[in-house]
Structure formats: C-alpha cells, structure tokens
N, C-alpha and C. Protein backbone atom coordinates (compact mmCIF):
# COMPACT_ATOMS: atom_id res chain seq x y z
N MET A 1 80.46 -27.56 -1.09
CA MET A 1 78.92 -27.49 -0.83
C MET A 1 77.89 -27.19 -2.04
N GLU A 2 76.84 -27.91 -2.02
CA GLU A 2 76.00 -27.48 -3.03
C GLU A 2 74.87 -27.03 -2.48
N LEU A 3 74.23 -25.74 -2.88
CA LEU A 3 73.48 -24.89 -2.18
C LEU A 3 72.14 -24.98 -3.42
N ASP A 4 71.26 -25.56 -2.59
CA ASP A 4 69.27 -25.82 -2.94
C ASP A 4 69.30 -24.30 -2.92
N ASP A 5 67.39 -24.36 -3.93
CA ASP A 5 67.00 -23.45 -3.68
C ASP A 5 66.75 -22.32 -2.79
N THR A 6 66.57 -23.15 -1.12
CA THR A 6 66.59 -23.40 -0.31
C THR A 6 67.67 -21.92 0.69
N ASP A 7 68.81 -22.71 0.43
CA ASP A 7 69.95 -21.98 0.48
C ASP A 7 69.91 -20.62 -0.20
N LYS A 8 69.75 -20.68 -1.45
CA LYS A 8 69.83 -19.27 -2.29
C LYS A 8 69.18 -18.59 -2.18
N GLY A 9 67.72 -19.17 -1.43
CA GLY A 9 66.28 -18.00 -1.56
C GLY A 9 66.75 -17.36 0.13
N ILE A 10 67.30 -18.49 1.50
CA ILE A 10 68.00 -17.17 2.51
C ILE A 10 69.28 -16.73 2.01
N LEU A 11 70.32 -16.79 1.17
CA LEU A 11 71.39 -16.17 1.33
C LEU A 11 71.17 -14.37 0.80
N TYR A 12 70.25 -15.39 -0.27
CA TYR A 12 69.86 -13.86 -1.02
C TYR A 12 69.09 -12.49 0.26
N LEU A 13 67.71 -13.12 0.79
CA LEU A 13 67.48 -12.50 1.58
C LEU A 13 68.31 -12.01 2.56
N LEU A 14 69.06 -12.72 3.19
CA LEU A 14 70.23 -11.97 4.44
C LEU A 14 70.97 -10.76 3.60
N GLN A 15 71.19 -10.76 2.14
CA GLN A 15 72.40 -9.91 2.02
C GLN A 15 71.75 -8.89 1.50
N ARG A 16 69.88 -8.67 1.72
CA ARG A 16 69.23 -7.86 1.37
C ARG A 16 69.57 -6.87 2.22
N ASP A 17 69.44 -7.75 3.87
CA ASP A 17 68.58 -7.10 4.63
C ASP A 17 68.46 -8.15 5.99
N ALA A 18 70.10 -8.68 6.28
CA ALA A 18 70.76 -9.32 7.43
C ALA A 18 70.29 -8.76 8.45
N ARG A 19 69.75 -7.64 9.37
CA ARG A 19 69.94 -7.42 10.29
C ARG A 19 67.99 -7.28 11.13
N ARG A 20 67.22 -6.87 9.77
CA ARG A 20 65.84 -6.47 10.14
C ARG A 20 64.40 -7.61 9.85
N LEU A 21 65.54 -8.27 8.85
CA LEU A 21 64.24 -9.59 8.80
C LEU A 21 64.85 -10.76 9.58
N THR A 22 63.29 -11.11 10.14
CA THR A 22 63.37 -12.05 10.93
C THR A 22 63.76 -13.94 10.23
N THR A 23 63.67 -14.84 11.15
CA THR A 23 63.94 -15.96 10.22
C THR A 23 62.04 -15.93 10.26
N GLN A 24 61.17 -16.26 10.89
CA GLN A 24 60.03 -16.12 10.09
C GLN A 24 59.77 -15.64 9.01
N GLU A 25 59.95 -14.43 8.71
CA GLU A 25 59.74 -13.17 7.54
C GLU A 25 60.61 -14.35 6.08
N MET A 26 61.85 -14.51 6.35
CA MET A 26 62.38 -15.32 5.35
C MET A 26 62.11 -16.88 5.67
N ALA A 27 61.34 -16.90 6.40
CA ALA A 27 60.77 -18.41 5.69
C ALA A 27 59.66 -18.97 4.80
N THR A 28 59.19 -17.52 5.67
CA THR A 28 57.35 -16.95 4.17
C THR A 28 57.88 -16.98 3.53
N ASN A 29 59.19 -15.93 3.10
CA ASN A 29 59.59 -15.44 1.52
C ASN A 29 60.00 -16.89 1.16
N VAL A 30 60.33 -17.76 1.63
CA VAL A 30 61.02 -19.41 1.30
C VAL A 30 60.38 -19.92 0.72
N GLY A 31 59.66 -20.49 1.86
CA GLY A 31 58.52 -21.22 1.19
C GLY A 31 58.72 -22.60 2.47
N VAL A 32 59.05 -22.43 3.54
CA VAL A 32 59.95 -23.19 4.41
C VAL A 32 59.47 -22.25 5.96
N SER A 33 59.67 -23.89 7.05
CA SER A 33 59.48 -23.37 8.26
C SER A 33 60.82 -22.64 8.78
N ALA A 34 60.65 -21.35 9.71
CA ALA A 34 61.49 -20.72 10.52
C ALA A 34 62.37 -21.73 10.86
N SER A 35 62.46 -22.82 11.63
CA SER A 35 63.73 -23.80 12.34
C SER A 35 64.16 -24.09 11.22
N THR A 36 63.53 -24.27 9.88
CA THR A 36 64.31 -24.85 8.47
C THR A 36 65.57 -23.74 8.72
N VAL A 37 65.20 -22.30 8.37
CA VAL A 37 65.90 -20.97 8.24
C VAL A 37 66.78 -21.46 9.33
N ARG A 38 66.49 -21.46 10.08
CA ARG A 38 67.60 -21.40 11.18
C ARG A 38 68.61 -22.67 11.14
N ASN A 39 68.51 -23.30 10.80
CA ASN A 39 69.28 -24.72 10.73
C ASN A 39 70.14 -24.52 9.28
N ARG A 40 69.57 -23.98 8.28
CA ARG A 40 70.29 -23.93 7.08
C ARG A 40 71.03 -22.65 7.46
N ILE A 41 70.74 -21.49 7.85
CA ILE A 41 71.37 -20.60 8.47
C ILE A 41 73.26 -21.28 9.41
N ASP A 42 72.62 -22.12 10.12
CA ASP A 42 74.07 -22.77 11.04
C ASP A 42 74.66 -23.32 10.09
N ARG A 43 74.58 -24.06 8.87
CA ARG A 43 74.76 -24.87 8.24
C ARG A 43 76.19 -24.01 7.35
N LEU A 44 75.26 -23.32 6.66
CA LEU A 44 76.48 -21.82 5.95
C LEU A 44 77.00 -21.25 6.37
N GLU A 45 77.01 -21.15 7.93
CA GLU A 45 77.44 -20.59 8.53
C GLU A 45 79.44 -21.76 9.04
N LYS A 46 78.69 -22.40 9.91
CA LYS A 46 79.37 -23.58 9.29
C LYS A 46 80.53 -24.29 8.18
N GLU A 47 79.66 -23.99 7.20
CA GLU A 47 80.38 -24.32 6.16
C GLU A 47 80.93 -23.13 5.30
N GLY A 48 81.40 -22.36 6.04
CA GLY A 48 81.90 -21.26 5.78
C GLY A 48 81.27 -20.29 4.21
N ILE A 49 80.42 -20.22 4.10
CA ILE A 49 79.75 -20.14 3.23
C ILE A 49 79.38 -18.34 3.38
N ILE A 50 78.92 -18.22 4.82
CA ILE A 50 78.29 -17.42 5.67
C ILE A 50 79.81 -16.86 6.60
N ARG A 51 80.23 -15.82 5.88
CA ARG A 51 81.86 -15.36 7.32
C ARG A 51 81.27 -14.71 7.67
N GLY A 52 80.01 -14.03 7.86
CA GLY A 52 79.69 -12.94 8.73
C GLY A 52 78.74 -11.98 8.91
N TYR A 53 78.56 -10.80 9.52
CA TYR A 53 77.58 -10.03 9.00
C TYR A 53 78.67 -8.79 9.44
N HIS A 54 77.85 -7.67 8.47
CA HIS A 54 79.26 -6.51 9.17
C HIS A 54 77.77 -5.55 8.36
N PRO A 55 77.94 -4.47 9.12
CA PRO A 55 77.30 -3.11 8.54
C PRO A 55 77.76 -2.37 8.11
N ASP A 56 76.93 -1.63 7.25
CA ASP A 56 77.26 -1.47 5.80
C ASP A 56 77.52 0.15 6.28
N ILE A 57 78.43 1.11 6.33
CA ILE A 57 79.03 2.27 7.04
C ILE A 57 79.28 3.70 6.13
N ASP A 58 78.17 4.68 6.36
CA ASP A 58 78.31 5.90 5.09
C ASP A 58 79.56 6.38 6.36
N TYR A 59 80.66 6.16 5.67
CA TYR A 59 81.63 6.60 6.32
C TYR A 59 82.20 8.45 6.19
N ASP A 60 81.37 8.95 5.32
CA ASP A 60 81.08 9.93 5.20
C ASP A 60 80.59 11.13 6.36
N ASN A 61 78.79 10.15 7.22
CA ASN A 61 78.55 10.77 7.97
C ASN A 61 79.32 10.56 8.86
N ALA A 62 79.72 9.79 9.64
CA ALA A 62 80.62 9.37 10.46
C ALA A 62 82.03 10.38 10.60
N GLY A 63 82.21 11.26 9.86
CA GLY A 63 83.04 11.51 10.00
C GLY A 63 84.40 11.37 9.81
N LEU A 64 84.25 10.53 8.53
CA LEU A 64 85.78 9.68 7.69
C LEU A 64 85.05 10.38 6.23
N GLN A 65 85.61 11.76 6.10
CA GLN A 65 85.14 12.02 4.99
C GLN A 65 86.01 11.65 3.71
N LEU A 66 86.94 11.31 4.36
CA LEU A 66 87.85 10.92 3.17
C LEU A 66 88.12 8.93 2.63
N TYR A 67 87.43 8.52 1.73
CA TYR A 67 87.31 7.55 1.18
C TYR A 67 87.78 6.69 0.26
N VAL A 68 88.91 6.19 0.10
CA VAL A 68 90.45 6.10 -0.33
C VAL A 68 90.31 4.77 -0.98
N GLU A 69 90.43 4.57 -2.00
CA GLU A 69 90.66 2.68 -3.08
C GLU A 69 92.37 3.16 -3.07
N ILE A 70 93.16 2.62 -2.62
CA ILE A 70 94.43 2.39 -3.02
C ILE A 70 95.17 1.42 -3.33
N ILE A 71 95.63 1.42 -4.84
CA ILE A 71 95.96 0.08 -5.76
C ILE A 71 97.56 -0.17 -5.44
N CYS A 72 97.98 -1.07 -5.43
CA CYS A 72 99.40 -1.30 -4.79
C CYS A 72 99.92 -2.85 -6.13
N SER A 73 100.93 -2.91 -6.08
CA SER A 73 101.43 -3.60 -6.72
C SER A 73 102.33 -4.84 -5.67
N ALA A 74 102.14 -6.41 -5.28
CA ALA A 74 103.15 -6.54 -4.75
C ALA A 74 103.78 -7.94 -4.82
N PRO A 75 104.78 -8.50 -4.71
CA PRO A 75 104.95 -9.87 -5.77
C PRO A 75 104.12 -11.00 -5.72
N ASN A 76 104.29 -11.89 -6.36
CA ASN A 76 102.83 -13.16 -6.11
C ASN A 76 103.19 -13.58 -5.14
N PRO A 77 104.62 -13.87 -4.55
CA PRO A 77 104.72 -15.35 -3.31
C PRO A 77 104.91 -14.09 -2.15
N LYS A 78 104.93 -13.42 -1.90
CA LYS A 78 104.56 -12.44 -0.58
C LYS A 78 103.20 -11.50 -1.02
N ARG A 79 102.70 -11.91 -2.02
CA ARG A 79 101.20 -10.61 -2.42
C ARG A 79 100.19 -11.07 -0.57
N GLU A 80 100.00 -12.66 -0.42
CA GLU A 80 98.73 -13.60 0.52
C GLU A 80 99.25 -12.62 2.33
N ALA A 81 100.17 -12.67 2.05
CA ALA A 81 101.11 -12.61 3.66
C ALA A 81 101.32 -10.51 3.73
N MET A 82 101.61 -10.13 2.72
CA MET A 82 101.87 -9.00 2.74
C MET A 82 100.02 -7.94 2.86
N VAL A 83 99.30 -8.72 2.45
CA VAL A 83 97.87 -8.13 2.88
C VAL A 83 97.25 -8.49 4.10
N LYS A 84 97.86 -9.47 4.71
CA LYS A 84 97.40 -10.14 5.91
C LYS A 84 97.90 -9.00 6.66
N GLU A 85 99.32 -8.48 6.53
CA GLU A 85 99.79 -7.47 7.71
C GLU A 85 99.05 -5.89 7.24
N ALA A 86 99.01 -5.73 6.05
CA ALA A 86 97.72 -4.53 5.48
C ALA A 86 96.63 -4.33 6.40
N ARG A 87 95.86 -5.80 6.95
CA ARG A 87 95.23 -5.51 7.96
C ARG A 87 95.17 -4.68 8.66
N ASP A 88 96.39 -4.82 9.66
CA ASP A 88 96.93 -3.95 10.51
C ASP A 88 97.18 -2.68 10.19
N VAL A 89 97.12 -1.62 9.55
CA VAL A 89 97.10 -0.16 9.41
C VAL A 89 95.84 0.27 9.72
N ALA A 90 95.95 1.30 10.63
CA ALA A 90 95.50 1.82 11.25
C ALA A 90 94.39 2.48 9.50
N GLY A 91 92.98 2.90 9.85
CA GLY A 91 91.95 3.28 8.54
C GLY A 91 91.86 2.39 7.79
N VAL A 92 92.67 1.11 7.26
CA VAL A 92 92.61 0.22 6.27
C VAL A 92 90.78 -0.77 6.91
N VAL A 93 89.99 -0.92 5.76
CA VAL A 93 88.93 -1.05 5.96
C VAL A 93 88.05 -2.10 4.89
N ALA A 94 89.20 -2.29 4.03
CA ALA A 94 88.80 -3.28 3.05
C ALA A 94 90.35 -3.46 2.17
N LEU A 95 90.10 -5.13 2.33
CA LEU A 95 91.37 -5.53 0.98
C LEU A 95 90.84 -6.43 -0.32
N ARG A 96 91.40 -6.16 -1.18
CA ARG A 96 90.96 -7.10 -2.36
C ARG A 96 92.73 -7.24 -2.65
N GLU A 97 92.67 -9.11 -2.54
CA GLU A 97 93.87 -10.09 -3.69
C GLU A 97 93.25 -10.19 -5.43
N VAL A 98 94.39 -9.65 -5.75
CA VAL A 98 93.83 -10.06 -7.12
C VAL A 98 94.17 -10.74 -7.78
N LEU A 99 94.03 -11.63 -8.72
CA LEU A 99 94.83 -13.05 -9.49
C LEU A 99 95.90 -12.67 -10.42
N ASN A 100 95.98 -11.67 -11.43
CA ASN A 100 96.21 -11.40 -12.48
C ASN A 100 96.40 -9.63 -12.53
N GLY A 101 97.67 -9.73 -13.33
CA GLY A 101 97.69 -8.23 -13.41
C GLY A 101 99.07 -8.15 -12.74
N LYS A 102 99.72 -6.65 -12.62
CA LYS A 102 100.46 -5.91 -11.51
C LYS A 102 99.75 -5.19 -10.68
N GLU A 103 98.91 -4.98 -10.87
CA GLU A 103 97.99 -4.12 -9.57
C GLU A 103 97.01 -4.94 -9.16
N ASN A 104 97.89 -5.98 -8.40
CA ASN A 104 97.11 -7.27 -7.40
C ASN A 104 96.51 -7.03 -6.25
N VAL A 105 97.08 -6.09 -6.21
CA VAL A 105 96.33 -5.22 -3.98
C VAL A 105 95.46 -4.56 -4.34
N GLN A 106 94.28 -4.26 -4.05
CA GLN A 106 93.57 -3.29 -3.64
C GLN A 106 92.65 -3.09 -2.43
N ILE A 107 92.91 -1.75 -2.23
CA ILE A 107 92.55 -1.86 -0.80
C ILE A 107 91.97 -0.22 -0.42
N ASP A 108 90.91 0.04 0.16
CA ASP A 108 89.93 0.96 1.25
C ASP A 108 90.15 1.44 2.33
N ALA A 109 90.53 2.88 2.13
CA ALA A 109 90.80 2.76 3.65
C ALA A 109 89.86 4.64 3.88
N VAL A 110 90.02 4.85 4.81
CA VAL A 110 89.19 6.60 5.35
C VAL A 110 89.85 6.64 6.52
N GLY A 111 90.07 8.37 5.70
CA GLY A 111 90.47 8.97 6.68
C GLY A 111 89.83 10.45 6.77
N THR A 112 90.37 11.53 7.78
CA THR A 112 89.74 12.82 7.57
C THR A 112 90.71 13.56 7.26
N GLU A 113 91.76 13.22 6.78
CA GLU A 113 92.13 14.76 6.22
C GLU A 113 93.25 13.64 5.39
N SER A 114 94.24 14.53 4.34
CA SER A 114 95.09 14.09 3.36
C SER A 114 96.12 13.45 4.20
N ASP A 115 96.83 13.72 5.29
CA ASP A 115 97.94 13.18 6.16
C ASP A 115 97.54 11.75 6.65
N ASP A 116 96.36 11.72 7.17
CA ASP A 116 95.69 10.25 7.00
C ASP A 116 95.94 9.43 6.16
N VAL A 117 95.78 9.51 4.53
CA VAL A 117 96.08 8.87 3.52
C VAL A 117 97.56 8.99 3.12
N ALA A 118 98.18 9.98 3.56
CA ALA A 118 99.95 9.63 3.11
C ALA A 118 100.26 8.90 3.94
N ARG A 119 99.57 8.67 5.81
CA ARG A 119 100.65 8.07 6.53
C ARG A 119 99.99 6.22 6.18
N ILE A 120 98.75 6.23 6.03
CA ILE A 120 98.13 4.95 5.28
C ILE A 120 99.48 4.45 3.67
N THR A 121 99.75 5.10 2.78
CA THR A 121 100.27 4.50 1.93
C THR A 121 101.69 4.68 2.38
N ASP A 122 102.35 5.31 3.52
CA ASP A 122 103.34 5.14 3.79
C ASP A 122 103.95 3.53 4.48
N GLU A 123 102.91 3.54 5.06
CA GLU A 123 102.59 2.40 6.12
C GLU A 123 102.81 0.88 5.07
N LEU A 124 101.97 1.03 4.44
CA LEU A 124 101.59 0.34 2.99
C LEU A 124 103.16 -0.34 2.51
N CYS A 125 103.49 1.30 2.27
CA CYS A 125 104.92 1.24 1.58
C CYS A 125 105.89 -0.03 2.46
N ASP A 126 106.29 0.52 4.00
CA ASP A 126 106.59 -0.40 4.59
C ASP A 126 106.96 -1.44 4.62
N ILE A 127 105.65 -1.98 4.26
CA ILE A 127 105.33 -3.40 4.35
C ILE A 127 105.81 -4.28 3.11
N GLY A 128 106.05 -3.12 2.28
CA GLY A 128 106.74 -3.40 1.25
C GLY A 128 106.03 -3.49 -0.42
N LEU A 129 104.80 -3.57 -0.21
CA LEU A 129 103.41 -3.15 -1.38
C LEU A 129 104.31 -1.72 -1.80
N GLU A 130 103.89 -1.37 -3.28
CA GLU A 130 104.40 -0.74 -4.00
C GLU A 130 102.71 0.44 -4.55
N VAL A 131 102.51 1.48 -3.88
CA VAL A 131 101.76 1.53 -3.86
C VAL A 131 102.20 2.53 -5.30
N VAL A 132 100.77 2.43 -6.12
CA VAL A 132 100.62 2.27 -7.73
C VAL A 132 100.31 3.59 -8.10
N ASN A 133 98.68 4.22 -7.31
CA ASN A 133 97.77 4.80 -7.77
C ASN A 133 96.53 5.02 -6.45
N THR A 134 96.45 5.56 -5.81
CA THR A 134 95.19 6.38 -5.15
C THR A 134 93.63 6.75 -6.00
N LYS A 135 92.89 6.77 -5.07
CA LYS A 135 91.15 6.93 -5.87
C LYS A 135 90.46 7.46 -4.93
N ILE A 136 89.92 8.80 -4.79
CA ILE A 136 89.10 8.69 -4.11
C ILE A 136 87.56 8.64 -4.34
N ILE A 137 86.72 7.58 -3.19
CA ILE A 137 85.81 7.35 -3.91
C ILE A 137 84.60 7.93 -3.37
N LYS A 138 83.70 8.07 -3.82
CA LYS A 138 82.84 9.09 -4.00
C LYS A 138 81.66 8.62 -3.04
N GLU A 139 81.03 7.28 -3.90
CA GLU A 139 80.26 5.97 -3.19
C GLU A 139 80.26 4.71 -3.21
N THR A 140 79.49 4.21 -2.52
CA THR A 140 79.74 2.52 -2.78
C THR A 140 78.69 1.73 -2.76
N TYR A 141 77.96 1.46 -4.00
CA TYR A 141 76.51 1.15 -3.79
C TYR A 141 76.99 -0.32 -3.82
N THR A 142 76.12 -1.64 -2.56
CA THR A 142 76.01 -3.07 -2.63
C THR A 142 74.86 -3.46 -3.29
N GLN A 143 74.78 -4.54 -3.74
CA GLN A 143 72.88 -5.27 -3.41
C GLN A 143 73.66 -6.81 -3.87
N PRO A 144 72.76 -8.13 -2.92
CA PRO A 144 72.29 -9.60 -3.65
C PRO A 144 72.90 -9.52 -4.56
N PHE A 145 73.59 -10.78 -4.77
CA PHE A 145 74.14 -11.60 -6.06
C PHE A 145 72.33 -12.41 -6.51
N ASN A 146 72.00 -11.20 -7.44
CA ASN A 146 70.42 -12.62 -7.66
C ASN A 146 70.19 -14.06 -7.98
N HIS A 147 71.87 -13.77 -8.23
CA HIS A 147 71.60 -15.37 -8.09
C HIS A 147 71.08 -16.37 -7.18
N PHE A 148 71.10 -15.28 -6.00
CA PHE A 148 71.14 -16.59 -4.47
C PHE A 148 69.79 -16.56 -4.54
N GLY A 149 68.48 -16.24 -5.58
CA GLY A 149 67.19 -16.30 -5.35
C GLY A 149 66.45 -15.25 -5.28
N GLN A 150 66.18 -14.63 -5.91
CA GLN A 150 65.66 -13.40 -6.11
C GLN A 150 64.75 -13.77 -6.98
N HIS A 151 64.89 -14.25 -7.82
CA HIS A 151 63.58 -15.50 -8.50
C HIS A 151 62.85 -16.86 -7.26
N LEU A 152 63.80 -17.06 -6.08
CA LEU A 152 62.89 -17.81 -5.29
C LEU A 152 62.15 -17.60 -4.00
N VAL A 153 62.17 -15.93 -3.74
CA VAL A 153 61.51 -15.67 -2.86
C VAL A 153 60.47 -14.09 -3.40
N GLU A 154 59.60 -14.57 -2.17
CA GLU A 154 58.54 -13.64 -2.84
C GLU A 154 58.59 -12.07 -1.81
N ASP A 155 57.98 -10.71 -2.56
CA ASP A 155 58.80 -9.71 -1.67
C ASP A 155 57.83 -9.01 -1.12
N ALA A 156 56.45 -9.85 -1.02
CA ALA A 156 55.34 -9.21 -0.12
C ALA A 156 56.27 -8.88 1.23
N THR A 157 57.02 -9.15 1.76
CA THR A 157 57.37 -8.87 3.36
C THR A 157 58.42 -7.98 3.39
N VAL A 158 59.28 -8.15 2.15
CA VAL A 158 60.83 -7.31 2.64
C VAL A 158 60.48 -6.23 1.25
N GLU A 159 61.58 -4.83 1.90
CA GLU A 159 61.29 -3.96 1.19
C GLU A 159 62.68 -3.96 0.35
N GLN A 160 62.46 -3.30 -0.52
CA GLN A 160 63.88 -3.19 -0.99
C GLN A 160 64.74 -1.72 -0.74
C-alpha cells in the first residue's frame, strides 16, 4: 500500500502517543478533518499496517526487575515454528526473527529472580532453540520513526 503524507503524519502521531491524542488533535496537526483521520486509521488497520496498540510497560516498576534479552539459534527451516511456540513460554514478552547469521532469534523476557530466567531458557531449549547468550537489559527506549511524518505535523498540540 502506498502511504501519502496524511497517512505518514497519522502514523507518526500514533507512535508518539496513541492513547492520549484525539482524532481531532491529529486532524489539526496533519491538516485534515477528524473523520478523514478516523477513516485513514481504519484503512491502515485493515491493510495490516497498524497491527495493534500496545502499552509501554516499565517492568521494573511492575515488580519484574529482571528484563532479559535471550539470544538463540534456530535452524532456518524450523525458525518460524519455534518462534511461534516460544510465544507461549511464560515470561516471554517480545520475539524477533533475524534473517541472517547463526544467532537468528532474539527474545525479551521478564521475571523476578534468576530462577525465572533459568526456567525460561530451559523451556526455550525444550522447544529446540539453542540459547547462545543472555543479557540483562537496563532500559529500552523507543521513538517514532520520523520518516512517518515528523516534518508533516505541527507540534503545537503534541508534547514530546
């Protein structure tokens, strides 16, 4: 699907603050009507460009002080199936399939103690993933992809 400047502006604003920004505020920033924004969001969802809206959780504040990245290796023909199965492991919060290299599966998991991490890695091994490395994550920062219209919106009503 070809994205025009209105679509890109809406995507940028949704990435910045999808929860608190109204369609009217987005419309003002992008320069279209609120109904146009609603129609565009519906279309972007139907086309699979917007796949969902997810909260940004501070796991440490939620009592899950261990946030771990687990680097795994999976045989390429089985990688996708193994990743799908790994989604069901308790504590796993994000998974990434990597298309190149031996370390082709990256998993983020949370827990309260080292036993949680050991259980998660054991379950991943039971699936057939080879755990290559684990890293404790201090903090994750995300930001909107500015190609989606930072230059297309006015920041008058949206605070960073």
